[in-house]
């Protein structure tokens, strides 16, 4: 089993120092040099999503442009949908991000597409699990969209020992996924 996100030297340090634009630029250059590497695309896309999702509450954003991060997120998503539509990891990560925060993926002025994007994210998650039914992350994220709490909690128990292998880095997105894949539901 390999880590869910690729490691990028210096990324953790940039995040810890809240140098978000430098992190985005670094990841963009890395992806641009090898555009057909889905791992590099996912890392860039997830960084932009993480910054945007924390924009109003948890990060220093005074010198940042929301539009630049959103434009990069949308560019990466469109590229990924065109080139990685059979890549279960791309579909899982991106589908999850779209399904919970679809407004980040909608270009200003096209807000009517919000529900379509939300459904697209759900469909991407389902497709990821169809492509790789052994992917426990995709399984859990799919189960989390249903009310099958027993199955969801059982799947969480099976992934718990593997979380540090799947998400070994201390980047914001690695920590985020370790956290959400540790939440148990009670009914």
C-alpha atoms as a PDB file:
ATOM      1  CA  UNK A   1       0.000   0.000   0.000  1.00  0.00           C
ATOM      2  CA  UNK A   2       1.333   3.383  -0.957  1.00  0.00           C
ATOM      3  CA  UNK A   3       0.609   6.861   0.301  1.00  0.00           C
ATOM      4  CA  UNK A   4      -2.469   8.533  -1.103  1.00  0.00           C
ATOM      5  CA  UNK A   5      -0.689  11.797  -1.914  1.00  0.00           C
ATOM      6  CA  UNK A   6       2.815  12.148  -3.294  1.00  0.00           C
ATOM      7  CA  UNK A   7       5.472  13.766  -1.143  1.00  0.00           C
ATOM      8  CA  UNK A   8       6.812  17.138  -2.249  1.00  0.00           C
ATOM      9  CA  UNK A   9      10.003  18.300  -0.565  1.00  0.00           C
ATOM     10  CA  UNK A  10       9.511  21.599   1.241  1.00  0.00           C
ATOM     11  CA  UNK A  11       5.700  21.606   1.076  1.00  0.00           C
ATOM     12  CA  UNK A  12       5.149  20.996   4.788  1.00  0.00           C
ATOM     13  CA  UNK A  13       7.509  23.846   5.636  1.00  0.00           C
ATOM     14  CA  UNK A  14       5.748  26.249   3.252  1.00  0.00           C
ATOM     15  CA  UNK A  15       2.401  25.346   4.802  1.00  0.00           C
ATOM     16  CA  UNK A  16       3.694  25.710   8.353  1.00  0.00           C
ATOM     17  CA  UNK A  17       4.992  29.176   7.459  1.00  0.00           C
ATOM     18  CA  UNK A  18       1.651  29.943   5.747  1.00  0.00           C
ATOM     19  CA  UNK A  19       3.377  30.710   2.465  1.00  0.00           C
ATOM     20  CA  UNK A  20       0.384  29.498   0.472  1.00  0.00           C
ATOM     21  CA  UNK A  21       1.108  31.233  -2.814  1.00  0.00           C
ATOM     22  CA  UNK A  22       4.651  29.859  -2.829  1.00  0.00           C
ATOM     23  CA  UNK A  23       3.238  26.383  -2.185  1.00  0.00           C
ATOM     24  CA  UNK A  24       0.775  26.774  -5.047  1.00  0.00           C
ATOM     25  CA  UNK A  25       3.517  28.032  -7.387  1.00  0.00           C
ATOM     26  CA  UNK A  26       5.855  25.179  -6.417  1.00  0.00           C
ATOM     27  CA  UNK A  27       3.168  22.562  -7.002  1.00  0.00           C
ATOM     28  CA  UNK A  28       2.076  24.195 -10.259  1.00  0.00           C
ATOM     29  CA  UNK A  29       5.633  24.119 -11.631  1.00  0.00           C
ATOM     30  CA  UNK A  30       6.031  20.480 -10.594  1.00  0.00           C
ATOM     31  CA  UNK A  31       2.755  19.543 -12.276  1.00  0.00           C
ATOM     32  CA  UNK A  32       3.483  21.665 -15.355  1.00  0.00           C
ATOM     33  CA  UNK A  33       6.736  19.770 -15.905  1.00  0.00           C
ATOM     34  CA  UNK A  34       4.877  16.436 -15.943  1.00  0.00           C
ATOM     35  CA  UNK A  35       1.222  17.159 -16.672  1.00  0.00           C
ATOM     36  CA  UNK A  36       0.210  13.552 -17.284  1.00  0.00           C
ATOM     37  CA  UNK A  37       1.278  12.535 -13.782  1.00  0.00           C
ATOM     38  CA  UNK A  38      -2.002  12.292 -11.881  1.00  0.00           C
ATOM     39  CA  UNK A  39      -0.233  12.278  -8.504  1.00  0.00           C
ATOM     40  CA  UNK A  40       1.233  15.715  -9.193  1.00  0.00           C
ATOM     41  CA  UNK A  41      -2.119  17.020 -10.393  1.00  0.00           C
ATOM     42  CA  UNK A  42      -3.896  15.666  -7.309  1.00  0.00           C
ATOM     43  CA  UNK A  43      -1.328  17.283  -5.017  1.00  0.00           C
ATOM     44  CA  UNK A  44      -1.787  20.700  -6.664  1.00  0.00           C
ATOM     45  CA  UNK A  45      -5.554  20.393  -6.822  1.00  0.00           C
ATOM     46  CA  UNK A  46      -5.805  19.343  -3.172  1.00  0.00           C
ATOM     47  CA  UNK A  47      -3.568  22.207  -2.027  1.00  0.00           C
ATOM     48  CA  UNK A  48      -5.770  24.751  -3.784  1.00  0.00           C
ATOM     49  CA  UNK A  49      -8.916  23.107  -2.401  1.00  0.00           C
ATOM     50  CA  UNK A  50      -7.503  23.082   1.115  1.00  0.00           C
ATOM     51  CA  UNK A  51      -6.561  26.770   1.001  1.00  0.00           C
ATOM     52  CA  UNK A  52      -9.943  27.747  -0.455  1.00  0.00           C
ATOM     53  CA  UNK A  53     -11.874  25.627   2.035  1.00  0.00           C
ATOM     54  CA  UNK A  54     -10.062  27.292   4.938  1.00  0.00           C
ATOM     55  CA  UNK A  55     -10.119  30.778   3.395  1.00  0.00           C
ATOM     56  CA  UNK A  56     -12.416  32.541   5.837  1.00  0.00           C
ATOM     57  CA  UNK A  57     -11.518  30.770   9.025  1.00  0.00           C
ATOM     58  CA  UNK A  58      -8.107  29.286   9.392  1.00  0.00           C
ATOM     59  CA  UNK A  59      -5.451  30.769   7.129  1.00  0.00           C
ATOM     60  CA  UNK A  60      -3.836  34.142   6.647  1.00  0.00           C
ATOM     61  CA  UNK A  61      -5.142  35.257   3.278  1.00  0.00           C
ATOM     62  CA  UNK A  62      -4.463  39.021   3.237  1.00  0.00           C
ATOM     63  CA  UNK A  63      -1.875  38.802   0.469  1.00  0.00           C
ATOM     64  CA  UNK A  64      -3.534  35.948  -1.428  1.00  0.00           C
ATOM     65  CA  UNK A  65      -5.925  35.957  -4.353  1.00  0.00           C
ATOM     66  CA  UNK A  66      -8.959  33.712  -3.915  1.00  0.00           C
ATOM     67  CA  UNK A  67      -9.442  33.940  -7.682  1.00  0.00           C
ATOM     68  CA  UNK A  68      -5.933  32.629  -8.447  1.00  0.00           C
ATOM     69  CA  UNK A  69      -6.439  29.600  -6.203  1.00  0.00           C
ATOM     70  CA  UNK A  70      -9.920  28.942  -7.595  1.00  0.00           C
ATOM     71  CA  UNK A  71      -8.747  29.347 -11.194  1.00  0.00           C
ATOM     72  CA  UNK A  72      -5.956  26.836 -10.547  1.00  0.00           C
ATOM     73  CA  UNK A  73      -8.417  24.437  -8.892  1.00  0.00           C
ATOM     74  CA  UNK A  74     -10.806  24.663 -11.835  1.00  0.00           C
ATOM     75  CA  UNK A  75      -7.978  24.325 -14.385  1.00  0.00           C
ATOM     76  CA  UNK A  76      -6.679  21.197 -12.637  1.00  0.00           C
ATOM     77  CA  UNK A  77     -10.160  19.724 -12.343  1.00  0.00           C
ATOM     78  CA  UNK A  78     -10.921  20.244 -16.035  1.00  0.00           C
ATOM     79  CA  UNK A  79      -7.552  18.790 -17.033  1.00  0.00           C
ATOM     80  CA  UNK A  80      -8.064  15.818 -14.737  1.00  0.00           C
ATOM     81  CA  UNK A  81     -11.565  15.122 -16.025  1.00  0.00           C
ATOM     82  CA  UNK A  82     -10.223  15.166 -19.570  1.00  0.00           C
ATOM     83  CA  UNK A  83      -7.131  13.015 -18.906  1.00  0.00           C
ATOM     84  CA  UNK A  84      -7.731  10.923 -15.766  1.00  0.00           C
ATOM     85  CA  UNK A  85     -11.353   9.861 -15.987  1.00  0.00           C
ATOM     86  CA  UNK A  86     -10.298   6.246 -15.323  1.00  0.00           C
ATOM     87  CA  UNK A  87      -7.822   7.048 -12.540  1.00  0.00           C
ATOM     88  CA  UNK A  88      -9.513   5.922  -9.329  1.00  0.00           C
ATOM     89  CA  UNK A  89      -7.345   8.060  -7.061  1.00  0.00           C
ATOM     90  CA  UNK A  90      -8.054  11.238  -9.062  1.00  0.00           C
ATOM     91  CA  UNK A  91     -11.769  10.410  -9.113  1.00  0.00           C
ATOM     92  CA  UNK A  92     -11.830   9.658  -5.390  1.00  0.00           C
ATOM     93  CA  UNK A  93      -9.979  12.742  -4.156  1.00  0.00           C
ATOM     94  CA  UNK A  94     -11.499  15.184  -6.615  1.00  0.00           C
ATOM     95  CA  UNK A  95     -14.961  13.665  -6.388  1.00  0.00           C
ATOM     96  CA  UNK A  96     -14.889  13.949  -2.611  1.00  0.00           C
ATOM     97  CA  UNK A  97     -13.752  17.569  -2.739  1.00  0.00           C
ATOM     98  CA  UNK A  98     -16.400  18.475  -5.314  1.00  0.00           C
ATOM     99  CA  UNK A  99     -19.166  16.659  -3.465  1.00  0.00           C
ATOM    100  CA  UNK A 100     -18.644  18.510  -0.187  1.00  0.00           C
ATOM    101  CA  UNK A 101     -17.701  21.974  -1.519  1.00  0.00           C
ATOM    102  CA  UNK A 102     -19.072  22.184  -5.070  1.00  0.00           C
ATOM    103  CA  UNK A 103     -19.219  25.984  -5.039  1.00  0.00           C
ATOM    104  CA  UNK A 104     -15.413  26.078  -5.196  1.00  0.00           C
ATOM    105  CA  UNK A 105     -15.520  24.373  -8.603  1.00  0.00           C
ATOM    106  CA  UNK A 106     -18.153  26.652 -10.123  1.00  0.00           C
ATOM    107  CA  UNK A 107     -17.043  29.653 -12.144  1.00  0.00           C
ATOM    108  CA  UNK A 108     -18.577  32.891 -10.911  1.00  0.00           C
ATOM    109  CA  UNK A 109     -21.772  33.610 -12.814  1.00  0.00           C
ATOM    110  CA  UNK A 110     -22.639  29.930 -13.282  1.00  0.00           C
ATOM    111  CA  UNK A 111     -23.915  29.255  -9.762  1.00  0.00           C
ATOM    112  CA  UNK A 112     -26.928  27.423 -11.232  1.00  0.00           C
ATOM    113  CA  UNK A 113     -24.513  24.553 -11.916  1.00  0.00           C
ATOM    114  CA  UNK A 114     -23.871  24.086  -8.171  1.00  0.00           C
ATOM    115  CA  UNK A 115     -26.128  21.023  -7.793  1.00  0.00           C
ATOM    116  CA  UNK A 116     -24.833  19.529 -11.033  1.00  0.00           C
ATOM    117  CA  UNK A 117     -21.279  19.769  -9.727  1.00  0.00           C
ATOM    118  CA  UNK A 118     -22.297  18.300  -6.385  1.00  0.00           C
ATOM    119  CA  UNK A 119     -23.807  15.302  -8.201  1.00  0.00           C
ATOM    120  CA  UNK A 120     -20.743  15.049 -10.440  1.00  0.00           C
ATOM    121  CA  UNK A 121     -18.595  14.737  -7.311  1.00  0.00           C
ATOM    122  CA  UNK A 122     -20.809  11.978  -5.934  1.00  0.00           C
ATOM    123  CA  UNK A 123     -20.694  10.170  -9.287  1.00  0.00           C
ATOM    124  CA  UNK A 124     -16.889  10.477  -9.378  1.00  0.00           C
ATOM    125  CA  UNK A 125     -16.643   8.935  -5.913  1.00  0.00           C
ATOM    126  CA  UNK A 126     -18.857   6.041  -6.986  1.00  0.00           C
ATOM    127  CA  UNK A 127     -16.825   5.531 -10.144  1.00  0.00           C
ATOM    128  CA  UNK A 128     -13.574   5.540  -8.147  1.00  0.00           C
ATOM    129  CA  UNK A 129     -14.878   2.719  -5.975  1.00  0.00           C
ATOM    130  CA  UNK A 130     -16.147   0.790  -9.009  1.00  0.00           C
ATOM    131  CA  UNK A 131     -12.707   1.051 -10.618  1.00  0.00           C
ATOM    132  CA  UNK A 132     -10.889  -0.031  -7.450  1.00  0.00           C
ATOM    133  CA  UNK A 133     -13.135  -1.823  -4.941  1.00  0.00           C
ATOM    134  CA  UNK A 134     -10.045  -2.532  -2.804  1.00  0.00           C
ATOM    135  CA  UNK A 135      -9.464   1.187  -2.205  1.00  0.00           C
ATOM    136  CA  UNK A 136     -10.606   1.602   1.391  1.00  0.00           C
ATOM    137  CA  UNK A 137     -10.542   5.394   1.181  1.00  0.00           C
ATOM    138  CA  UNK A 138     -12.951   5.366  -1.770  1.00  0.00           C
ATOM    139  CA  UNK A 139     -15.110   2.799   0.026  1.00  0.00           C
ATOM    140  CA  UNK A 140     -15.353   4.881   3.195  1.00  0.00           C
ATOM    141  CA  UNK A 141     -16.003   8.144   1.381  1.00  0.00           C
ATOM    142  CA  UNK A 142     -18.784   6.440  -0.564  1.00  0.00           C
ATOM    143  CA  UNK A 143     -20.285   4.893   2.568  1.00  0.00           C
ATOM    144  CA  UNK A 144     -20.137   8.289   4.254  1.00  0.00           C
ATOM    145  CA  UNK A 145     -22.613   9.584   1.696  1.00  0.00           C
ATOM    146  CA  UNK A 146     -25.190   7.012   2.786  1.00  0.00           C
ATOM    147  CA  UNK A 147     -26.862   6.328   6.112  1.00  0.00           C
ATOM    148  CA  UNK A 148     -25.264   2.893   6.531  1.00  0.00           C
ATOM    149  CA  UNK A 149     -23.518   3.792   9.793  1.00  0.00           C
ATOM    150  CA  UNK A 150     -22.664   0.224  10.764  1.00  0.00           C
ATOM    151  CA  UNK A 151     -20.910  -0.486   7.459  1.00  0.00           C
ATOM    152  CA  UNK A 152     -19.228   2.918   7.553  1.00  0.00           C
ATOM    153  CA  UNK A 153     -17.873   2.426  11.070  1.00  0.00           C
ATOM    154  CA  UNK A 154     -16.749  -1.099  10.233  1.00  0.00           C
ATOM    155  CA  UNK A 155     -14.831   0.200   7.208  1.00  0.00           C
ATOM    156  CA  UNK A 156     -13.267   2.914   9.385  1.00  0.00           C
ATOM    157  CA  UNK A 157     -12.047   0.270  11.830  1.00  0.00           C
ATOM    158  CA  UNK A 158     -10.361  -1.608   8.994  1.00  0.00           C
ATOM    159  CA  UNK A 159      -8.538   1.471   7.702  1.00  0.00           C
ATOM    160  CA  UNK A 160      -7.394   2.871  11.059  1.00  0.00           C
ATOM    161  CA  UNK A 161      -4.153   0.843  11.220  1.00  0.00           C
ATOM    162  CA  UNK A 162      -3.292   1.949   7.667  1.00  0.00           C
ATOM    163  CA  UNK A 163      -3.896   5.705   8.049  1.00  0.00           C
ATOM    164  CA  UNK A 164      -0.264   6.552   8.735  1.00  0.00           C
ATOM    165  CA  UNK A 165       0.795   4.558   5.672  1.00  0.00           C
ATOM    166  CA  UNK A 166      -1.886   6.076   3.436  1.00  0.00           C
ATOM    167  CA  UNK A 167      -1.280   9.615   4.727  1.00  0.00           C
ATOM    168  CA  UNK A 168       2.288   9.666   6.106  1.00  0.00           C
ATOM    169  CA  UNK A 169       3.051  13.351   5.538  1.00  0.00           C
ATOM    170  CA  UNK A 170       2.070  16.290   7.699  1.00  0.00           C
ATOM    171  CA  UNK A 171       0.664  18.491   4.947  1.00  0.00           C
ATOM    172  CA  UNK A 172      -2.733  20.049   5.581  1.00  0.00           C
ATOM    173  CA  UNK A 173      -4.498  17.658   3.212  1.00  0.00           C
ATOM    174  CA  UNK A 174      -2.821  14.543   4.669  1.00  0.00           C
ATOM    175  CA  UNK A 175      -3.815  15.602   8.192  1.00  0.00           C
ATOM    176  CA  UNK A 176      -7.318  16.448   6.964  1.00  0.00           C
ATOM    177  CA  UNK A 177      -7.858  12.987   5.490  1.00  0.00           C
ATOM    178  CA  UNK A 178      -6.421  11.259   8.556  1.00  0.00           C
ATOM    179  CA  UNK A 179      -8.893  13.240  10.640  1.00  0.00           C
ATOM    180  CA  UNK A 180     -12.009  12.644   8.544  1.00  0.00           C
ATOM    181  CA  UNK A 181     -11.201   8.958   8.182  1.00  0.00           C
ATOM    182  CA  UNK A 182     -11.137   8.683  11.966  1.00  0.00           C
ATOM    183  CA  UNK A 183     -14.614  10.077  12.659  1.00  0.00           C
ATOM    184  CA  UNK A 184     -17.059   7.460  13.918  1.00  0.00           C
ATOM    185  CA  UNK A 185     -20.790   7.977  13.567  1.00  0.00           C
ATOM    186  CA  UNK A 186     -23.379   7.122  16.162  1.00  0.00           C
ATOM    187  CA  UNK A 187     -27.092   6.935  15.588  1.00  0.00           C
END
